[in-house]
Amino acid sequence: MALIRGESISISLYPPQNWKGKHLPLFAPTPELLKWWKASAQDTEAEKRVRALVSAGSSGAAAAD
């Protein structure tokens, strides 16, 4: 059995409940990234895909990428 030494660090956007270690939100989007994404065509395409998947899911049909 390996013994892990050091400090506990969460790199997720939101650390687990009752987290006692450090939190480094490496995957948290920056304001600049969010602004760029909202201004890009990819945002519109992503919204269309999500709406299609939600519609397909509500009708019981399976959606494929």
PDB file of N, CA and C in Angstrom:
ATOM      1  N   MET A   1       0.840  -1.164   0.000  1.00  0.00           N
ATOM      2  CA  MET A   1       0.000   0.000   0.000  1.00  0.00           C
ATOM      3  C   MET A   1       0.894   1.239   0.000  1.00  0.00           C
ATOM      4  N   ALA A   2       0.604   2.156  -0.904  1.00  0.00           N
ATOM      5  CA  ALA A   2       1.410   3.372  -1.017  1.00  0.00           C
ATOM      6  C   ALA A   2       0.912   4.424  -0.038  1.00  0.00           C
ATOM      7  N   LEU A   3       1.835   5.132   0.517  1.00  0.00           N
ATOM      8  CA  LEU A   3       1.502   6.218   1.422  1.00  0.00           C
ATOM      9  C   LEU A   3       1.700   7.523   0.668  1.00  0.00           C
ATOM     10  N   ILE A   4       0.664   8.320   0.606  1.00  0.00           N
ATOM     11  CA  ILE A   4       0.745   9.604  -0.080  1.00  0.00           C
ATOM     12  C   ILE A   4       1.048  10.672   0.948  1.00  0.00           C
ATOM     13  N   ARG A   5       2.084  11.429   0.688  1.00  0.00           N
ATOM     14  CA  ARG A   5       2.485  12.486   1.616  1.00  0.00           C
ATOM     15  C   ARG A   5       2.333  13.831   0.933  1.00  0.00           C
ATOM     16  N   GLY A   6       2.058  14.817   1.708  1.00  0.00           N
ATOM     17  CA  GLY A   6       1.959  16.155   1.154  1.00  0.00           C
ATOM     18  C   GLY A   6       0.639  16.790   1.510  1.00  0.00           C
ATOM     19  N   GLU A   7       0.271  17.733   0.701  1.00  0.00           N
ATOM     20  CA  GLU A   7      -0.896  18.547   0.968  1.00  0.00           C
ATOM     21  C   GLU A   7      -2.039  18.182   0.030  1.00  0.00           C
ATOM     22  N   SER A   8      -3.243  18.158   0.546  1.00  0.00           N
ATOM     23  CA  SER A   8      -4.417  17.897  -0.285  1.00  0.00           C
ATOM     24  C   SER A   8      -4.793  19.172  -1.034  1.00  0.00           C
ATOM     25  N   ILE A   9      -4.961  19.032  -2.351  1.00  0.00           N
ATOM     26  CA  ILE A   9      -5.324  20.184  -3.172  1.00  0.00           C
ATOM     27  C   ILE A   9      -6.446  19.777  -4.111  1.00  0.00           C
ATOM     28  N   SER A  10      -7.514  20.557  -4.111  1.00  0.00           N
ATOM     29  CA  SER A  10      -8.612  20.346  -5.038  1.00  0.00           C
ATOM     30  C   SER A  10      -8.404  21.267  -6.230  1.00  0.00           C
ATOM     31  N   ILE A  11      -8.454  20.707  -7.467  1.00  0.00           N
ATOM     32  CA  ILE A  11      -8.296  21.539  -8.665  1.00  0.00           C
ATOM     33  C   ILE A  11      -9.607  21.675  -9.420  1.00  0.00           C
ATOM     34  N   SER A  12     -10.685  21.219  -8.819  1.00  0.00           N
ATOM     35  CA  SER A  12     -11.988  21.308  -9.474  1.00  0.00           C
ATOM     36  C   SER A  12     -12.552  22.719  -9.337  1.00  0.00           C
ATOM     37  N   LEU A  13     -13.569  23.007 -10.118  1.00  0.00           N
ATOM     38  CA  LEU A  13     -14.206  24.315 -10.044  1.00  0.00           C
ATOM     39  C   LEU A  13     -14.786  24.537  -8.652  1.00  0.00           C
ATOM     40  N   TYR A  14     -15.434  23.518  -8.127  1.00  0.00           N
ATOM     41  CA  TYR A  14     -16.001  23.570  -6.771  1.00  0.00           C
ATOM     42  C   TYR A  14     -15.421  22.417  -5.969  1.00  0.00           C
ATOM     43  N   PRO A  15     -14.752  22.698  -4.855  1.00  0.00           N
ATOM     44  CA  PRO A  15     -14.201  21.599  -4.057  1.00  0.00           C
ATOM     45  C   PRO A  15     -15.317  20.795  -3.394  1.00  0.00           C
ATOM     46  N   PRO A  16     -15.020  19.554  -3.008  1.00  0.00           N
ATOM     47  CA  PRO A  16     -16.023  18.744  -2.314  1.00  0.00           C
ATOM     48  C   PRO A  16     -16.480  19.407  -1.014  1.00  0.00           C
ATOM     49  N   GLN A  17     -17.675  19.054  -0.577  1.00  0.00           N
ATOM     50  CA  GLN A  17     -18.180  19.598   0.689  1.00  0.00           C
ATOM     51  C   GLN A  17     -17.226  19.239   1.811  1.00  0.00           C
ATOM     52  N   ASN A  18     -17.110  20.144   2.766  1.00  0.00           N
ATOM     53  CA  ASN A  18     -16.253  19.955   3.941  1.00  0.00           C
ATOM     54  C   ASN A  18     -14.775  19.778   3.581  1.00  0.00           C
ATOM     55  N   TRP A  19     -14.342  20.346   2.457  1.00  0.00           N
ATOM     56  CA  TRP A  19     -12.959  20.235   2.012  1.00  0.00           C
ATOM     57  C   TRP A  19     -12.049  20.975   2.973  1.00  0.00           C
ATOM     58  N   LYS A  20     -11.004  20.333   3.430  1.00  0.00           N
ATOM     59  CA  LYS A  20     -10.083  20.929   4.399  1.00  0.00           C
ATOM     60  C   LYS A  20      -8.772  21.376   3.754  1.00  0.00           C
ATOM     61  N   GLY A  21      -8.470  20.901   2.545  1.00  0.00           N
ATOM     62  CA  GLY A  21      -7.209  21.242   1.893  1.00  0.00           C
ATOM     63  C   GLY A  21      -7.306  22.539   1.106  1.00  0.00           C
ATOM     64  N   LYS A  22      -6.254  22.802   0.331  1.00  0.00           N
ATOM     65  CA  LYS A  22      -6.235  23.991  -0.514  1.00  0.00           C
ATOM     66  C   LYS A  22      -7.160  23.813  -1.706  1.00  0.00           C
ATOM     67  N   HIS A  23      -7.606  24.942  -2.253  1.00  0.00           N
ATOM     68  CA  HIS A  23      -8.452  24.918  -3.444  1.00  0.00           C
ATOM     69  C   HIS A  23      -7.799  25.784  -4.514  1.00  0.00           C
ATOM     70  N   LEU A  24      -7.404  25.166  -5.609  1.00  0.00           N
ATOM     71  CA  LEU A  24      -6.836  25.883  -6.741  1.00  0.00           C
ATOM     72  C   LEU A  24      -7.788  25.669  -7.924  1.00  0.00           C
ATOM     73  N   PRO A  25      -8.648  26.637  -8.203  1.00  0.00           N
ATOM     74  CA  PRO A  25      -9.668  26.447  -9.248  1.00  0.00           C
ATOM     75  C   PRO A  25      -9.075  26.519 -10.661  1.00  0.00           C
ATOM     76  N   LEU A  26      -8.263  25.530 -11.012  1.00  0.00           N
ATOM     77  CA  LEU A  26      -7.587  25.530 -12.308  1.00  0.00           C
ATOM     78  C   LEU A  26      -8.556  25.467 -13.475  1.00  0.00           C
ATOM     79  N   PHE A  27      -9.715  24.879 -13.275  1.00  0.00           N
ATOM     80  CA  PHE A  27     -10.662  24.718 -14.366  1.00  0.00           C
ATOM     81  C   PHE A  27     -11.749  25.788 -14.367  1.00  0.00           C
ATOM     82  N   ALA A  28     -11.610  26.787 -13.516  1.00  0.00           N
ATOM     83  CA  ALA A  28     -12.584  27.873 -13.479  1.00  0.00           C
ATOM     84  C   ALA A  28     -12.327  28.814 -14.656  1.00  0.00           C
ATOM     85  N   PRO A  29     -13.352  29.139 -15.426  1.00  0.00           N
ATOM     86  CA  PRO A  29     -13.148  30.048 -16.558  1.00  0.00           C
ATOM     87  C   PRO A  29     -12.895  31.481 -16.080  1.00  0.00           C
ATOM     88  N   THR A  30     -12.035  32.167 -16.791  1.00  0.00           N
ATOM     89  CA  THR A  30     -11.756  33.568 -16.464  1.00  0.00           C
ATOM     90  C   THR A  30     -12.825  34.445 -17.101  1.00  0.00           C
ATOM     91  N   PRO A  31     -13.021  35.661 -16.600  1.00  0.00           N
ATOM     92  CA  PRO A  31     -13.995  36.567 -17.225  1.00  0.00           C
ATOM     93  C   PRO A  31     -13.692  36.812 -18.710  1.00  0.00           C
ATOM     94  N   GLU A  32     -12.407  36.887 -19.055  1.00  0.00           N
ATOM     95  CA  GLU A  32     -12.025  37.103 -20.450  1.00  0.00           C
ATOM     96  C   GLU A  32     -12.433  35.923 -21.325  1.00  0.00           C
ATOM     97  N   LEU A  33     -12.232  34.717 -20.809  1.00  0.00           N
ATOM     98  CA  LEU A  33     -12.615  33.525 -21.567  1.00  0.00           C
ATOM     99  C   LEU A  33     -14.120  33.470 -21.761  1.00  0.00           C
ATOM    100  N   LEU A  34     -14.881  33.763 -20.729  1.00  0.00           N
ATOM    101  CA  LEU A  34     -16.341  33.755 -20.847  1.00  0.00           C
ATOM    102  C   LEU A  34     -16.827  34.798 -21.847  1.00  0.00           C
ATOM    103  N   LYS A  35     -16.217  35.970 -21.817  1.00  0.00           N
ATOM    104  CA  LYS A  35     -16.603  37.038 -22.753  1.00  0.00           C
ATOM    105  C   LYS A  35     -16.303  36.608 -24.191  1.00  0.00           C
ATOM    106  N   TRP A  36     -15.139  36.015 -24.412  1.00  0.00           N
ATOM    107  CA  TRP A  36     -14.767  35.539 -25.745  1.00  0.00           C
ATOM    108  C   TRP A  36     -15.736  34.450 -26.209  1.00  0.00           C
ATOM    109  N   TRP A  37     -16.047  33.496 -25.323  1.00  0.00           N
ATOM    110  CA  TRP A  37     -16.921  32.390 -25.688  1.00  0.00           C
ATOM    111  C   TRP A  37     -18.314  32.890 -26.065  1.00  0.00           C
ATOM    112  N   LYS A  38     -18.857  33.812 -25.292  1.00  0.00           N
ATOM    113  CA  LYS A  38     -20.192  34.333 -25.588  1.00  0.00           C
ATOM    114  C   LYS A  38     -20.212  35.096 -26.910  1.00  0.00           C
ATOM    115  N   ALA A  39     -19.088  35.660 -27.311  1.00  0.00           N
ATOM    116  CA  ALA A  39     -19.019  36.416 -28.561  1.00  0.00           C
ATOM    117  C   ALA A  39     -18.712  35.516 -29.764  1.00  0.00           C
ATOM    118  N   SER A  40     -18.429  34.252 -29.531  1.00  0.00           N
ATOM    119  CA  SER A  40     -18.034  33.366 -30.621  1.00  0.00           C
ATOM    120  C   SER A  40     -19.235  32.628 -31.202  1.00  0.00           C
ATOM    121  N   ALA A  41     -19.060  32.147 -32.405  1.00  0.00           N
ATOM    122  CA  ALA A  41     -20.095  31.349 -33.051  1.00  0.00           C
ATOM    123  C   ALA A  41     -20.252  29.998 -32.353  1.00  0.00           C
ATOM    124  N   GLN A  42     -19.216  29.553 -31.677  1.00  0.00           N
ATOM    125  CA  GLN A  42     -19.277  28.263 -30.980  1.00  0.00           C
ATOM    126  C   GLN A  42     -20.356  28.266 -29.909  1.00  0.00           C
ATOM    127  N   ASP A  43     -20.593  29.413 -29.292  1.00  0.00           N
ATOM    128  CA  ASP A  43     -21.615  29.495 -28.266  1.00  0.00           C
ATOM    129  C   ASP A  43     -22.991  29.218 -28.860  1.00  0.00           C
ATOM    130  N   THR A  44     -23.270  29.822 -29.998  1.00  0.00           N
ATOM    131  CA  THR A  44     -24.555  29.611 -30.667  1.00  0.00           C
ATOM    132  C   THR A  44     -24.721  28.148 -31.064  1.00  0.00           C
ATOM    133  N   GLU A  45     -23.667  27.550 -31.615  1.00  0.00           N
ATOM    134  CA  GLU A  45     -23.724  26.142 -32.007  1.00  0.00           C
ATOM    135  C   GLU A  45     -23.918  25.233 -30.790  1.00  0.00           C
ATOM    136  N   ALA A  46     -23.246  25.553 -29.690  1.00  0.00           N
ATOM    137  CA  ALA A  46     -23.388  24.751 -28.472  1.00  0.00           C
ATOM    138  C   ALA A  46     -24.818  24.826 -27.956  1.00  0.00           C
ATOM    139  N   GLU A  47     -25.412  26.019 -27.996  1.00  0.00           N
ATOM    140  CA  GLU A  47     -26.804  26.166 -27.555  1.00  0.00           C
ATOM    141  C   GLU A  47     -27.737  25.330 -28.419  1.00  0.00           C
ATOM    142  N   LYS A  48     -27.512  25.322 -29.731  1.00  0.00           N
ATOM    143  CA  LYS A  48     -28.347  24.521 -30.639  1.00  0.00           C
ATOM    144  C   LYS A  48     -28.228  23.040 -30.314  1.00  0.00           C
ATOM    145  N   ARG A  49     -26.986  22.571 -30.056  1.00  0.00           N
ATOM    146  CA  ARG A  49     -26.788  21.148 -29.739  1.00  0.00           C
ATOM    147  C   ARG A  49     -27.495  20.777 -28.445  1.00  0.00           C
ATOM    148  N   VAL A  50     -27.366  21.630 -27.434  1.00  0.00           N
ATOM    149  CA  VAL A  50     -28.000  21.340 -26.143  1.00  0.00           C
ATOM    150  C   VAL A  50     -29.514  21.309 -26.298  1.00  0.00           C
ATOM    151  N   ARG A  51     -30.073  22.286 -27.014  1.00  0.00           N
ATOM    152  CA  ARG A  51     -31.527  22.309 -27.216  1.00  0.00           C
ATOM    153  C   ARG A  51     -31.998  21.057 -27.950  1.00  0.00           C
ATOM    154  N   ALA A  52     -31.226  20.621 -28.948  1.00  0.00           N
ATOM    155  CA  ALA A  52     -31.583  19.413 -29.697  1.00  0.00           C
ATOM    156  C   ALA A  52     -31.529  18.184 -28.792  1.00  0.00           C
ATOM    157  N   LEU A  53     -30.507  18.106 -27.956  1.00  0.00           N
ATOM    158  CA  LEU A  53     -30.381  16.965 -27.044  1.00  0.00           C
ATOM    159  C   LEU A  53     -31.507  16.959 -26.021  1.00  0.00           C
ATOM    160  N   VAL A  54     -31.854  18.129 -25.504  1.00  0.00           N
ATOM    161  CA  VAL A  54     -32.932  18.221 -24.517  1.00  0.00           C
ATOM    162  C   VAL A  54     -34.255  17.823 -25.167  1.00  0.00           C
ATOM    163  N   SER A  55     -34.488  18.307 -26.370  1.00  0.00           N
ATOM    164  CA  SER A  55     -35.728  17.961 -27.079  1.00  0.00           C
ATOM    165  C   SER A  55     -35.789  16.466 -27.359  1.00  0.00           C
ATOM    166  N   ALA A  56     -34.686  15.893 -27.801  1.00  0.00           N
ATOM    167  CA  ALA A  56     -34.642  14.463 -28.089  1.00  0.00           C
ATOM    168  C   ALA A  56     -34.837  13.653 -26.812  1.00  0.00           C
ATOM    169  N   GLY A  57     -34.260  14.118 -25.723  1.00  0.00           N
ATOM    170  CA  GLY A  57     -34.389  13.414 -24.445  1.00  0.00           C
ATOM    171  C   GLY A  57     -35.798  13.444 -23.914  1.00  0.00           C
ATOM    172  N   SER A  58     -36.501  14.549 -24.124  1.00  0.00           N
ATOM    173  CA  SER A  58     -37.857  14.652 -23.597  1.00  0.00           C
ATOM    174  C   SER A  58     -38.848  13.819 -24.392  1.00  0.00           C
ATOM    175  N   SER A  59     -38.484  13.491 -25.650  1.00  0.00           N
ATOM    176  CA  SER A  59     -39.388  12.674 -26.456  1.00  0.00           C
ATOM    177  C   SER A  59     -39.061  11.191 -26.346  1.00  0.00           C
ATOM    178  N   GLY A  60     -37.988  10.889 -25.604  1.00  0.00           N
ATOM    179  CA  GLY A  60     -37.609   9.497 -25.416  1.00  0.00           C
ATOM    180  C   GLY A  60     -36.657   8.984 -26.480  1.00  0.00           C
ATOM    181  N   ALA A  61     -36.313   9.807 -27.470  1.00  0.00           N
ATOM    182  CA  ALA A  61     -35.397   9.386 -28.532  1.00  0.00           C
ATOM    183  C   ALA A  61     -33.962   9.563 -28.052  1.00  0.00           C
ATOM    184  N   ALA A  62     -33.082   8.709 -28.552  1.00  0.00           N
ATOM    185  CA  ALA A  62     -31.667   8.818 -28.205  1.00  0.00           C
ATOM    186  C   ALA A  62     -30.990   9.746 -29.192  1.00  0.00           C
ATOM    187  N   ALA A  63     -30.095  10.596 -28.689  1.00  0.00           N
ATOM    188  CA  ALA A  63     -29.359  11.513 -29.556  1.00  0.00           C
ATOM    189  C   ALA A  63     -27.912  11.057 -29.647  1.00  0.00           C
ATOM    190  N   ALA A  64     -27.329  11.226 -30.811  1.00  0.00           N
ATOM    191  CA  ALA A  64     -25.936  10.855 -31.018  1.00  0.00           C
ATOM    192  C   ALA A  64     -25.154  12.073 -31.472  1.00  0.00           C
ATOM    193  N   ASP A  65     -23.881  12.115 -31.069  1.00  0.00           N
ATOM    194  CA  ASP A  65     -22.991  13.212 -31.499  1.00  0.00           C
ATOM    195  C   ASP A  65     -22.457  12.941 -32.869  1.00  0.00           C
TER     196      ASP A  65
END
